[in-house]
mmCIF file of all heavy atoms, coordinates in Angstrom:
data_MODEL
# 
_entry.id   MODEL 
# 
loop_
_atom_site.group_PDB 
_atom_site.id 
_atom_site.type_symbol 
_atom_site.label_atom_id 
_atom_site.label_alt_id 
_atom_site.label_comp_id 
_atom_site.label_asym_id 
_atom_site.label_entity_id 
_atom_site.label_seq_id 
_atom_site.pdbx_PDB_ins_code 
_atom_site.Cartn_x 
_atom_site.Cartn_y 
_atom_site.Cartn_z 
_atom_site.occupancy 
_atom_site.B_iso_or_equiv 
_atom_site.pdbx_formal_charge 
_atom_site.auth_seq_id 
_atom_site.auth_comp_id 
_atom_site.auth_asym_id 
_atom_site.auth_atom_id 
_atom_site.pdbx_PDB_model_num 
ATOM 1   N N   . ILE A 1 1  ? 83.068 -221.587 -7.987  1.00 0.00 ? 1  ILE A N   1 
ATOM 2   C CA  . ILE A 1 1  ? 83.788 -222.648 -7.243  1.00 0.00 ? 1  ILE A CA  1 
ATOM 3   C C   . ILE A 1 1  ? 84.517 -222.033 -6.095  1.00 0.00 ? 1  ILE A C   1 
ATOM 4   O O   . ILE A 1 1  ? 84.565 -222.536 -4.969  1.00 0.00 ? 1  ILE A O   1 
ATOM 5   C CB  . ILE A 1 1  ? 84.712 -223.312 -8.296  1.00 0.00 ? 1  ILE A CB  1 
ATOM 6   C CG1 . ILE A 1 1  ? 83.915 -224.194 -9.291  1.00 0.00 ? 1  ILE A CG1 1 
ATOM 7   C CG2 . ILE A 1 1  ? 85.686 -224.224 -7.525  1.00 0.00 ? 1  ILE A CG2 1 
ATOM 8   C CD1 . ILE A 1 1  ? 84.688 -224.708 -10.443 1.00 0.00 ? 1  ILE A CD1 1 
ATOM 9   N N   . LEU A 1 2  ? 85.226 -220.922 -6.386  1.00 0.00 ? 2  LEU A N   1 
ATOM 10  C CA  . LEU A 1 2  ? 86.010 -220.248 -5.283  1.00 0.00 ? 2  LEU A CA  1 
ATOM 11  C C   . LEU A 1 2  ? 85.079 -219.782 -4.115  1.00 0.00 ? 2  LEU A C   1 
ATOM 12  O O   . LEU A 1 2  ? 85.502 -219.759 -3.011  1.00 0.00 ? 2  LEU A O   1 
ATOM 13  C CB  . LEU A 1 2  ? 86.741 -219.065 -5.875  1.00 0.00 ? 2  LEU A CB  1 
ATOM 14  C CG  . LEU A 1 2  ? 87.779 -219.375 -6.913  1.00 0.00 ? 2  LEU A CG  1 
ATOM 15  C CD1 . LEU A 1 2  ? 88.548 -218.084 -7.403  1.00 0.00 ? 2  LEU A CD1 1 
ATOM 16  C CD2 . LEU A 1 2  ? 88.828 -220.366 -6.377  1.00 0.00 ? 2  LEU A CD2 1 
ATOM 17  N N   . SER A 1 3  ? 83.769 -219.424 -4.430  1.00 0.00 ? 3  SER A N   1 
ATOM 18  C CA  . SER A 1 3  ? 82.768 -218.978 -3.421  1.00 0.00 ? 3  SER A CA  1 
ATOM 19  C C   . SER A 1 3  ? 82.127 -220.239 -2.756  1.00 0.00 ? 3  SER A C   1 
ATOM 20  O O   . SER A 1 3  ? 81.382 -220.039 -1.821  1.00 0.00 ? 3  SER A O   1 
ATOM 21  C CB  . SER A 1 3  ? 81.800 -218.013 -4.079  1.00 0.00 ? 3  SER A CB  1 
ATOM 22  O OG  . SER A 1 3  ? 80.957 -218.792 -4.931  1.00 0.00 ? 3  SER A OG  1 
ATOM 23  N N   . LYS A 1 4  ? 82.457 -221.414 -3.228  1.00 0.00 ? 4  LYS A N   1 
ATOM 24  C CA  . LYS A 1 4  ? 81.900 -222.667 -2.791  1.00 0.00 ? 4  LYS A CA  1 
ATOM 25  C C   . LYS A 1 4  ? 80.480 -222.794 -3.039  1.00 0.00 ? 4  LYS A C   1 
ATOM 26  O O   . LYS A 1 4  ? 79.759 -223.593 -2.412  1.00 0.00 ? 4  LYS A O   1 
ATOM 27  C CB  . LYS A 1 4  ? 82.182 -222.723 -1.232  1.00 0.00 ? 4  LYS A CB  1 
ATOM 28  C CG  . LYS A 1 4  ? 83.609 -222.791 -0.864  1.00 0.00 ? 4  LYS A CG  1 
ATOM 29  C CD  . LYS A 1 4  ? 83.884 -222.879 0.603   1.00 0.00 ? 4  LYS A CD  1 
ATOM 30  C CE  . LYS A 1 4  ? 85.422 -222.823 0.873   1.00 0.00 ? 4  LYS A CE  1 
ATOM 31  N NZ  . LYS A 1 4  ? 85.648 -222.844 2.321   1.00 0.00 ? 4  LYS A NZ  1 
ATOM 32  N N   . GLU A 1 5  ? 79.969 -222.036 -4.050  1.00 0.00 ? 5  GLU A N   1 
ATOM 33  C CA  . GLU A 1 5  ? 78.670 -222.252 -4.579  1.00 0.00 ? 5  GLU A CA  1 
ATOM 34  C C   . GLU A 1 5  ? 78.511 -223.490 -5.470  1.00 0.00 ? 5  GLU A C   1 
ATOM 35  O O   . GLU A 1 5  ? 77.501 -224.097 -5.692  1.00 0.00 ? 5  GLU A O   1 
ATOM 36  C CB  . GLU A 1 5  ? 78.190 -221.103 -5.390  1.00 0.00 ? 5  GLU A CB  1 
ATOM 37  C CG  . GLU A 1 5  ? 77.615 -219.883 -4.570  1.00 0.00 ? 5  GLU A CG  1 
ATOM 38  C CD  . GLU A 1 5  ? 76.896 -218.878 -5.364  1.00 0.00 ? 5  GLU A CD  1 
ATOM 39  O OE1 . GLU A 1 5  ? 76.574 -219.144 -6.571  1.00 0.00 ? 5  GLU A OE1 1 
ATOM 40  O OE2 . GLU A 1 5  ? 76.613 -217.794 -4.829  1.00 0.00 ? 5  GLU A OE2 1 
ATOM 41  N N   . LEU A 1 6  ? 79.651 -223.873 -6.126  1.00 0.00 ? 6  LEU A N   1 
ATOM 42  C CA  . LEU A 1 6  ? 79.680 -224.956 -7.043  1.00 0.00 ? 6  LEU A CA  1 
ATOM 43  C C   . LEU A 1 6  ? 80.844 -225.864 -6.683  1.00 0.00 ? 6  LEU A C   1 
ATOM 44  O O   . LEU A 1 6  ? 81.969 -225.430 -6.269  1.00 0.00 ? 6  LEU A O   1 
ATOM 45  C CB  . LEU A 1 6  ? 79.968 -224.375 -8.474  1.00 0.00 ? 6  LEU A CB  1 
ATOM 46  C CG  . LEU A 1 6  ? 79.715 -225.244 -9.667  1.00 0.00 ? 6  LEU A CG  1 
ATOM 47  C CD1 . LEU A 1 6  ? 78.159 -225.524 -9.753  1.00 0.00 ? 6  LEU A CD1 1 
ATOM 48  C CD2 . LEU A 1 6  ? 80.125 -224.532 -10.924 1.00 0.00 ? 6  LEU A CD2 1 
ATOM 49  N N   . VAL A 1 7  ? 80.651 -227.194 -6.846  1.00 0.00 ? 7  VAL A N   1 
ATOM 50  C CA  . VAL A 1 7  ? 81.676 -228.171 -6.401  1.00 0.00 ? 7  VAL A CA  1 
ATOM 51  C C   . VAL A 1 7  ? 82.290 -228.588 -7.724  1.00 0.00 ? 7  VAL A C   1 
ATOM 52  O O   . VAL A 1 7  ? 81.694 -228.953 -8.646  1.00 0.00 ? 7  VAL A O   1 
ATOM 53  C CB  . VAL A 1 7  ? 81.039 -229.329 -5.674  1.00 0.00 ? 7  VAL A CB  1 
ATOM 54  C CG1 . VAL A 1 7  ? 82.082 -230.455 -5.457  1.00 0.00 ? 7  VAL A CG1 1 
ATOM 55  C CG2 . VAL A 1 7  ? 80.306 -228.959 -4.448  1.00 0.00 ? 7  VAL A CG2 1 
ATOM 56  N N   . PRO A 1 8  ? 83.698 -228.594 -7.795  1.00 0.00 ? 8  PRO A N   1 
ATOM 57  C CA  . PRO A 1 8  ? 84.483 -228.993 -8.975  1.00 0.00 ? 8  PRO A CA  1 
ATOM 58  C C   . PRO A 1 8  ? 84.393 -230.522 -9.153  1.00 0.00 ? 8  PRO A C   1 
ATOM 59  O O   . PRO A 1 8  ? 84.042 -231.308 -8.211  1.00 0.00 ? 8  PRO A O   1 
ATOM 60  C CB  . PRO A 1 8  ? 85.833 -228.463 -8.629  1.00 0.00 ? 8  PRO A CB  1 
ATOM 61  C CG  . PRO A 1 8  ? 86.019 -228.443 -7.255  1.00 0.00 ? 8  PRO A CG  1 
ATOM 62  C CD  . PRO A 1 8  ? 84.661 -228.115 -6.629  1.00 0.00 ? 8  PRO A CD  1 
ATOM 63  N N   . ASP A 1 9  ? 84.705 -230.986 -10.316 1.00 0.00 ? 9  ASP A N   1 
ATOM 64  C CA  . ASP A 1 9  ? 84.704 -232.381 -10.594 1.00 0.00 ? 9  ASP A CA  1 
ATOM 65  C C   . ASP A 1 9  ? 85.946 -233.043 -9.812  1.00 0.00 ? 9  ASP A C   1 
ATOM 66  O O   . ASP A 1 9  ? 85.856 -234.146 -9.264  1.00 0.00 ? 9  ASP A O   1 
ATOM 67  C CB  . ASP A 1 9  ? 84.992 -232.728 -12.062 1.00 0.00 ? 9  ASP A CB  1 
ATOM 68  C CG  . ASP A 1 9  ? 83.762 -232.229 -12.908 1.00 0.00 ? 9  ASP A CG  1 
ATOM 69  O OD1 . ASP A 1 9  ? 82.680 -232.004 -12.308 1.00 0.00 ? 9  ASP A OD1 1 
ATOM 70  O OD2 . ASP A 1 9  ? 83.913 -232.121 -14.175 1.00 0.00 ? 9  ASP A OD2 1 
ATOM 71  N N   . SER A 1 10 ? 87.033 -232.262 -9.812  1.00 0.00 ? 10 SER A N   1 
ATOM 72  C CA  . SER A 1 10 ? 88.245 -232.804 -9.065  1.00 0.00 ? 10 SER A CA  1 
ATOM 73  C C   . SER A 1 10 ? 89.080 -231.623 -8.692  1.00 0.00 ? 10 SER A C   1 
ATOM 74  O O   . SER A 1 10 ? 88.933 -230.499 -9.235  1.00 0.00 ? 10 SER A O   1 
ATOM 75  C CB  . SER A 1 10 ? 89.018 -233.809 -9.882  1.00 0.00 ? 10 SER A CB  1 
ATOM 76  O OG  . SER A 1 10 ? 89.444 -233.237 -11.088 1.00 0.00 ? 10 SER A OG  1 
ATOM 77  N N   . GLY A 1 11 ? 90.063 -231.903 -7.776  1.00 0.00 ? 11 GLY A N   1 
ATOM 78  C CA  . GLY A 1 11 ? 90.911 -230.797 -7.398  1.00 0.00 ? 11 GLY A CA  1 
ATOM 79  C C   . GLY A 1 11 ? 90.650 -230.396 -5.983  1.00 0.00 ? 11 GLY A C   1 
ATOM 80  O O   . GLY A 1 11 ? 89.689 -230.757 -5.279  1.00 0.00 ? 11 GLY A O   1 
ATOM 81  N N   . VAL A 1 12 ? 91.550 -229.510 -5.438  1.00 0.00 ? 12 VAL A N   1 
ATOM 82  C CA  . VAL A 1 12 ? 91.448 -229.054 -4.016  1.00 0.00 ? 12 VAL A CA  1 
ATOM 83  C C   . VAL A 1 12 ? 91.590 -227.552 -3.986  1.00 0.00 ? 12 VAL A C   1 
ATOM 84  O O   . VAL A 1 12 ? 92.343 -226.852 -4.676  1.00 0.00 ? 12 VAL A O   1 
ATOM 85  C CB  . VAL A 1 12 ? 92.676 -229.671 -3.188  1.00 0.00 ? 12 VAL A CB  1 
ATOM 86  C CG1 . VAL A 1 12 ? 92.684 -229.152 -1.802  1.00 0.00 ? 12 VAL A CG1 1 
ATOM 87  C CG2 . VAL A 1 12 ? 92.648 -231.160 -3.263  1.00 0.00 ? 12 VAL A CG2 1 
ATOM 88  N N   . ILE A 1 13 ? 90.672 -226.953 -3.130  1.00 0.00 ? 13 ILE A N   1 
ATOM 89  C CA  . ILE A 1 13 ? 90.784 -225.561 -2.858  1.00 0.00 ? 13 ILE A CA  1 
ATOM 90  C C   . ILE A 1 13 ? 91.021 -225.389 -1.347  1.00 0.00 ? 13 ILE A C   1 
ATOM 91  O O   . ILE A 1 13 ? 90.233 -225.744 -0.512  1.00 0.00 ? 13 ILE A O   1 
ATOM 92  C CB  . ILE A 1 13 ? 89.472 -224.800 -3.170  1.00 0.00 ? 13 ILE A CB  1 
ATOM 93  C CG1 . ILE A 1 13 ? 89.182 -224.964 -4.749  1.00 0.00 ? 13 ILE A CG1 1 
ATOM 94  C CG2 . ILE A 1 13 ? 89.606 -223.322 -2.896  1.00 0.00 ? 13 ILE A CG2 1 
ATOM 95  C CD1 . ILE A 1 13 ? 87.872 -224.382 -5.132  1.00 0.00 ? 13 ILE A CD1 1 
ATOM 96  N N   . ALA A 1 14 ? 92.210 -224.865 -1.035  1.00 0.00 ? 14 ALA A N   1 
ATOM 97  C CA  . ALA A 1 14 ? 92.587 -224.709 0.422   1.00 0.00 ? 14 ALA A CA  1 
ATOM 98  C C   . ALA A 1 14 ? 92.637 -223.318 0.842   1.00 0.00 ? 14 ALA A C   1 
ATOM 99  O O   . ALA A 1 14 ? 93.202 -222.496 0.126   1.00 0.00 ? 14 ALA A O   1 
ATOM 100 C CB  . ALA A 1 14 ? 93.918 -225.355 0.655   1.00 0.00 ? 14 ALA A CB  1 
ATOM 101 N N   . THR A 1 15 ? 91.993 -222.947 1.905   1.00 0.00 ? 15 THR A N   1 
ATOM 102 C CA  . THR A 1 15 ? 92.050 -221.528 2.436   1.00 0.00 ? 15 THR A CA  1 
ATOM 103 C C   . THR A 1 15 ? 92.487 -221.546 3.861   1.00 0.00 ? 15 THR A C   1 
ATOM 104 O O   . THR A 1 15 ? 92.362 -222.611 4.539   1.00 0.00 ? 15 THR A O   1 
ATOM 105 C CB  . THR A 1 15 ? 90.650 -220.896 2.354   1.00 0.00 ? 15 THR A CB  1 
ATOM 106 O OG1 . THR A 1 15 ? 89.759 -221.676 3.155   1.00 0.00 ? 15 THR A OG1 1 
ATOM 107 C CG2 . THR A 1 15 ? 90.122 -220.825 0.892   1.00 0.00 ? 15 THR A CG2 1 
ATOM 108 N N   . GLU A 1 16 ? 93.018 -220.384 4.296   1.00 0.00 ? 16 GLU A N   1 
ATOM 109 C CA  . GLU A 1 16 ? 93.365 -220.312 5.706   1.00 0.00 ? 16 GLU A CA  1 
ATOM 110 C C   . GLU A 1 16 ? 92.059 -220.304 6.507   1.00 0.00 ? 16 GLU A C   1 
ATOM 111 O O   . GLU A 1 16 ? 90.938 -220.171 6.021   1.00 0.00 ? 16 GLU A O   1 
ATOM 112 C CB  . GLU A 1 16 ? 94.082 -218.991 5.913   1.00 0.00 ? 16 GLU A CB  1 
ATOM 113 C CG  . GLU A 1 16 ? 95.339 -218.891 5.243   1.00 0.00 ? 16 GLU A CG  1 
ATOM 114 C CD  . GLU A 1 16 ? 96.017 -217.581 5.333   1.00 0.00 ? 16 GLU A CD  1 
ATOM 115 O OE1 . GLU A 1 16 ? 95.538 -216.679 6.013   1.00 0.00 ? 16 GLU A OE1 1 
ATOM 116 O OE2 . GLU A 1 16 ? 97.079 -217.364 4.712   1.00 0.00 ? 16 GLU A OE2 1 
ATOM 117 N N   . LYS A 1 17 ? 92.271 -220.639 7.833   1.00 0.00 ? 17 LYS A N   1 
ATOM 118 C CA  . LYS A 1 17 ? 91.041 -220.711 8.660   1.00 0.00 ? 17 LYS A CA  1 
ATOM 119 C C   . LYS A 1 17 ? 90.316 -219.441 8.842   1.00 0.00 ? 17 LYS A C   1 
ATOM 120 O O   . LYS A 1 17 ? 90.883 -218.296 8.812   1.00 0.00 ? 17 LYS A O   1 
ATOM 121 C CB  . LYS A 1 17 ? 91.528 -221.174 10.089  1.00 0.00 ? 17 LYS A CB  1 
ATOM 122 C CG  . LYS A 1 17 ? 91.959 -222.588 10.172  1.00 0.00 ? 17 LYS A CG  1 
ATOM 123 C CD  . LYS A 1 17 ? 92.262 -223.042 11.579  1.00 0.00 ? 17 LYS A CD  1 
ATOM 124 C CE  . LYS A 1 17 ? 92.710 -224.530 11.721  1.00 0.00 ? 17 LYS A CE  1 
ATOM 125 N NZ  . LYS A 1 17 ? 93.032 -224.876 13.030  1.00 0.00 ? 17 LYS A NZ  1 
ATOM 126 N N   . GLU A 1 18 ? 88.996 -219.514 8.860   1.00 0.00 ? 18 GLU A N   1 
ATOM 127 C CA  . GLU A 1 18 ? 88.081 -218.290 9.056   1.00 0.00 ? 18 GLU A CA  1 
ATOM 128 C C   . GLU A 1 18 ? 88.285 -217.242 7.959   1.00 0.00 ? 18 GLU A C   1 
ATOM 129 O O   . GLU A 1 18 ? 88.203 -216.054 8.324   1.00 0.00 ? 18 GLU A O   1 
ATOM 130 C CB  . GLU A 1 18 ? 88.356 -217.746 10.478  1.00 0.00 ? 18 GLU A CB  1 
ATOM 131 C CG  . GLU A 1 18 ? 87.961 -218.702 11.544  1.00 0.00 ? 18 GLU A CG  1 
ATOM 132 C CD  . GLU A 1 18 ? 88.150 -218.156 12.922  1.00 0.00 ? 18 GLU A CD  1 
ATOM 133 O OE1 . GLU A 1 18 ? 88.596 -216.928 13.011  1.00 0.00 ? 18 GLU A OE1 1 
ATOM 134 O OE2 . GLU A 1 18 ? 87.914 -218.772 13.919  1.00 0.00 ? 18 GLU A OE2 1 
ATOM 135 N N   . VAL A 1 19 ? 88.645 -217.610 6.739   1.00 0.00 ? 19 VAL A N   1 
ATOM 136 C CA  . VAL A 1 19 ? 88.652 -216.671 5.638   1.00 0.00 ? 19 VAL A CA  1 
ATOM 137 C C   . VAL A 1 19 ? 87.273 -216.348 5.200   1.00 0.00 ? 19 VAL A C   1 
ATOM 138 O O   . VAL A 1 19 ? 86.543 -217.271 4.934   1.00 0.00 ? 19 VAL A O   1 
ATOM 139 C CB  . VAL A 1 19 ? 89.515 -217.225 4.477   1.00 0.00 ? 19 VAL A CB  1 
ATOM 140 C CG1 . VAL A 1 19 ? 89.347 -216.384 3.238   1.00 0.00 ? 19 VAL A CG1 1 
ATOM 141 C CG2 . VAL A 1 19 ? 90.972 -217.219 4.856   1.00 0.00 ? 19 VAL A CG2 1 
ATOM 142 N N   . SER A 1 20 ? 86.948 -215.039 5.156   1.00 0.00 ? 20 SER A N   1 
ATOM 143 C CA  . SER A 1 20 ? 85.586 -214.695 4.692   1.00 0.00 ? 20 SER A CA  1 
ATOM 144 C C   . SER A 1 20 ? 85.636 -214.298 3.185   1.00 0.00 ? 20 SER A C   1 
ATOM 145 O O   . SER A 1 20 ? 86.570 -213.650 2.738   1.00 0.00 ? 20 SER A O   1 
ATOM 146 C CB  . SER A 1 20 ? 85.035 -213.478 5.493   1.00 0.00 ? 20 SER A CB  1 
ATOM 147 O OG  . SER A 1 20 ? 85.945 -212.448 5.457   1.00 0.00 ? 20 SER A OG  1 
ATOM 148 N N   . ILE A 1 21 ? 84.579 -214.607 2.495   1.00 0.00 ? 21 ILE A N   1 
ATOM 149 C CA  . ILE A 1 21 ? 84.509 -214.394 0.994   1.00 0.00 ? 21 ILE A CA  1 
ATOM 150 C C   . ILE A 1 21 ? 83.272 -213.620 0.678   1.00 0.00 ? 21 ILE A C   1 
ATOM 151 O O   . ILE A 1 21 ? 82.210 -213.906 1.053   1.00 0.00 ? 21 ILE A O   1 
ATOM 152 C CB  . ILE A 1 21 ? 84.561 -215.708 0.232   1.00 0.00 ? 21 ILE A CB  1 
ATOM 153 C CG1 . ILE A 1 21 ? 85.805 -216.503 0.527   1.00 0.00 ? 21 ILE A CG1 1 
ATOM 154 C CG2 . ILE A 1 21 ? 84.466 -215.455 -1.296  1.00 0.00 ? 21 ILE A CG2 1 
ATOM 155 C CD1 . ILE A 1 21 ? 85.877 -217.850 -0.149  1.00 0.00 ? 21 ILE A CD1 1 
ATOM 156 N N   . GLY A 1 22 ? 83.466 -212.488 0.012   1.00 0.00 ? 22 GLY A N   1 
ATOM 157 C CA  . GLY A 1 22 ? 82.350 -211.720 -0.590  1.00 0.00 ? 22 GLY A CA  1 
ATOM 158 C C   . GLY A 1 22 ? 82.223 -211.887 -1.997  1.00 0.00 ? 22 GLY A C   1 
ATOM 159 O O   . GLY A 1 22 ? 83.267 -211.760 -2.746  1.00 0.00 ? 22 GLY A O   1 
ATOM 160 N N   . PHE A 1 23 ? 81.065 -212.173 -2.585  1.00 0.00 ? 23 PHE A N   1 
ATOM 161 C CA  . PHE A 1 23 ? 80.834 -212.421 -3.983  1.00 0.00 ? 23 PHE A CA  1 
ATOM 162 C C   . PHE A 1 23 ? 79.776 -211.506 -4.577  1.00 0.00 ? 23 PHE A C   1 
ATOM 163 O O   . PHE A 1 23 ? 78.634 -211.494 -4.224  1.00 0.00 ? 23 PHE A O   1 
ATOM 164 C CB  . PHE A 1 23 ? 80.376 -213.930 -4.072  1.00 0.00 ? 23 PHE A CB  1 
ATOM 165 C CG  . PHE A 1 23 ? 80.256 -214.457 -5.447  1.00 0.00 ? 23 PHE A CG  1 
ATOM 166 C CD1 . PHE A 1 23 ? 80.886 -213.758 -6.602  1.00 0.00 ? 23 PHE A CD1 1 
ATOM 167 C CD2 . PHE A 1 23 ? 79.621 -215.650 -5.762  1.00 0.00 ? 23 PHE A CD2 1 
ATOM 168 C CE1 . PHE A 1 23 ? 80.764 -214.259 -7.863  1.00 0.00 ? 23 PHE A CE1 1 
ATOM 169 C CE2 . PHE A 1 23 ? 79.490 -216.074 -7.035  1.00 0.00 ? 23 PHE A CE2 1 
ATOM 170 C CZ  . PHE A 1 23 ? 80.102 -215.429 -8.104  1.00 0.00 ? 23 PHE A CZ  1 
ATOM 171 N N   . LEU A 1 24 ? 80.259 -210.644 -5.548  1.00 0.00 ? 24 LEU A N   1 
ATOM 172 C CA  . LEU A 1 24 ? 79.374 -209.787 -6.251  1.00 0.00 ? 24 LEU A CA  1 
ATOM 173 C C   . LEU A 1 24 ? 79.031 -210.562 -7.600  1.00 0.00 ? 24 LEU A C   1 
ATOM 174 O O   . LEU A 1 24 ? 79.846 -210.649 -8.436  1.00 0.00 ? 24 LEU A O   1 
ATOM 175 C CB  . LEU A 1 24 ? 79.967 -208.395 -6.530  1.00 0.00 ? 24 LEU A CB  1 
ATOM 176 C CG  . LEU A 1 24 ? 79.080 -207.426 -7.309  1.00 0.00 ? 24 LEU A CG  1 
ATOM 177 C CD1 . LEU A 1 24 ? 78.006 -206.952 -6.395  1.00 0.00 ? 24 LEU A CD1 1 
ATOM 178 C CD2 . LEU A 1 24 ? 79.954 -206.214 -7.806  1.00 0.00 ? 24 LEU A CD2 1 
ATOM 179 N N   . LYS A 1 25 ? 77.770 -210.926 -7.736  1.00 0.00 ? 25 LYS A N   1 
ATOM 180 C CA  . LYS A 1 25 ? 77.373 -211.662 -8.924  1.00 0.00 ? 25 LYS A CA  1 
ATOM 181 C C   . LYS A 1 25 ? 76.981 -210.712 -10.110 1.00 0.00 ? 25 LYS A C   1 
ATOM 182 O O   . LYS A 1 25 ? 76.708 -209.536 -9.858  1.00 0.00 ? 25 LYS A O   1 
ATOM 183 C CB  . LYS A 1 25 ? 76.210 -212.620 -8.608  1.00 0.00 ? 25 LYS A CB  1 
ATOM 184 C CG  . LYS A 1 25 ? 76.597 -213.585 -7.536  1.00 0.00 ? 25 LYS A CG  1 
ATOM 185 C CD  . LYS A 1 25 ? 75.427 -214.497 -7.244  1.00 0.00 ? 25 LYS A CD  1 
ATOM 186 C CE  . LYS A 1 25 ? 75.684 -215.431 -6.023  1.00 0.00 ? 25 LYS A CE  1 
ATOM 187 N NZ  . LYS A 1 25 ? 74.651 -216.305 -5.655  1.00 0.00 ? 25 LYS A NZ  1 
ATOM 188 N N   . GLN A 1 26 ? 76.858 -211.252 -11.317 1.00 0.00 ? 26 GLN A N   1 
ATOM 189 C CA  . GLN A 1 26 ? 76.409 -210.492 -12.390 1.00 0.00 ? 26 GLN A CA  1 
ATOM 190 C C   . GLN A 1 26 ? 74.958 -209.987 -12.216 1.00 0.00 ? 26 GLN A C   1 
ATOM 191 O O   . GLN A 1 26 ? 74.647 -208.836 -12.469 1.00 0.00 ? 26 GLN A O   1 
ATOM 192 C CB  . GLN A 1 26 ? 76.419 -211.325 -13.744 1.00 0.00 ? 26 GLN A CB  1 
ATOM 193 C CG  . GLN A 1 26 ? 77.862 -211.518 -14.310 1.00 0.00 ? 26 GLN A CG  1 
ATOM 194 C CD  . GLN A 1 26 ? 77.788 -212.267 -15.620 1.00 0.00 ? 26 GLN A CD  1 
ATOM 195 O OE1 . GLN A 1 26 ? 76.780 -212.327 -16.264 1.00 0.00 ? 26 GLN A OE1 1 
ATOM 196 N NE2 . GLN A 1 26 ? 78.944 -212.797 -15.983 1.00 0.00 ? 26 GLN A NE2 1 
ATOM 197 N N   . ASP A 1 27 ? 74.100 -210.863 -11.745 1.00 0.00 ? 27 ASP A N   1 
ATOM 198 C CA  . ASP A 1 27 ? 72.673 -210.525 -11.599 1.00 0.00 ? 27 ASP A CA  1 
ATOM 199 C C   . ASP A 1 27 ? 72.338 -210.511 -10.081 1.00 0.00 ? 27 ASP A C   1 
ATOM 200 O O   . ASP A 1 27 ? 72.524 -211.481 -9.440  1.00 0.00 ? 27 ASP A O   1 
ATOM 201 C CB  . ASP A 1 27 ? 71.808 -211.541 -12.337 1.00 0.00 ? 27 ASP A CB  1 
ATOM 202 C CG  . ASP A 1 27 ? 72.173 -211.624 -13.819 1.00 0.00 ? 27 ASP A CG  1 
ATOM 203 O OD1 . ASP A 1 27 ? 72.259 -210.612 -14.431 1.00 0.00 ? 27 ASP A OD1 1 
ATOM 204 O OD2 . ASP A 1 27 ? 72.358 -212.814 -14.298 1.00 0.00 ? 27 ASP A OD2 1 
# 
């Protein structure tokens, strides 16, 4: 959800402009 791969049922995720996210997955 934080990486924006999944959309939550409800709620808000706010980030500063142009924030880059790196995601290391299990597989």
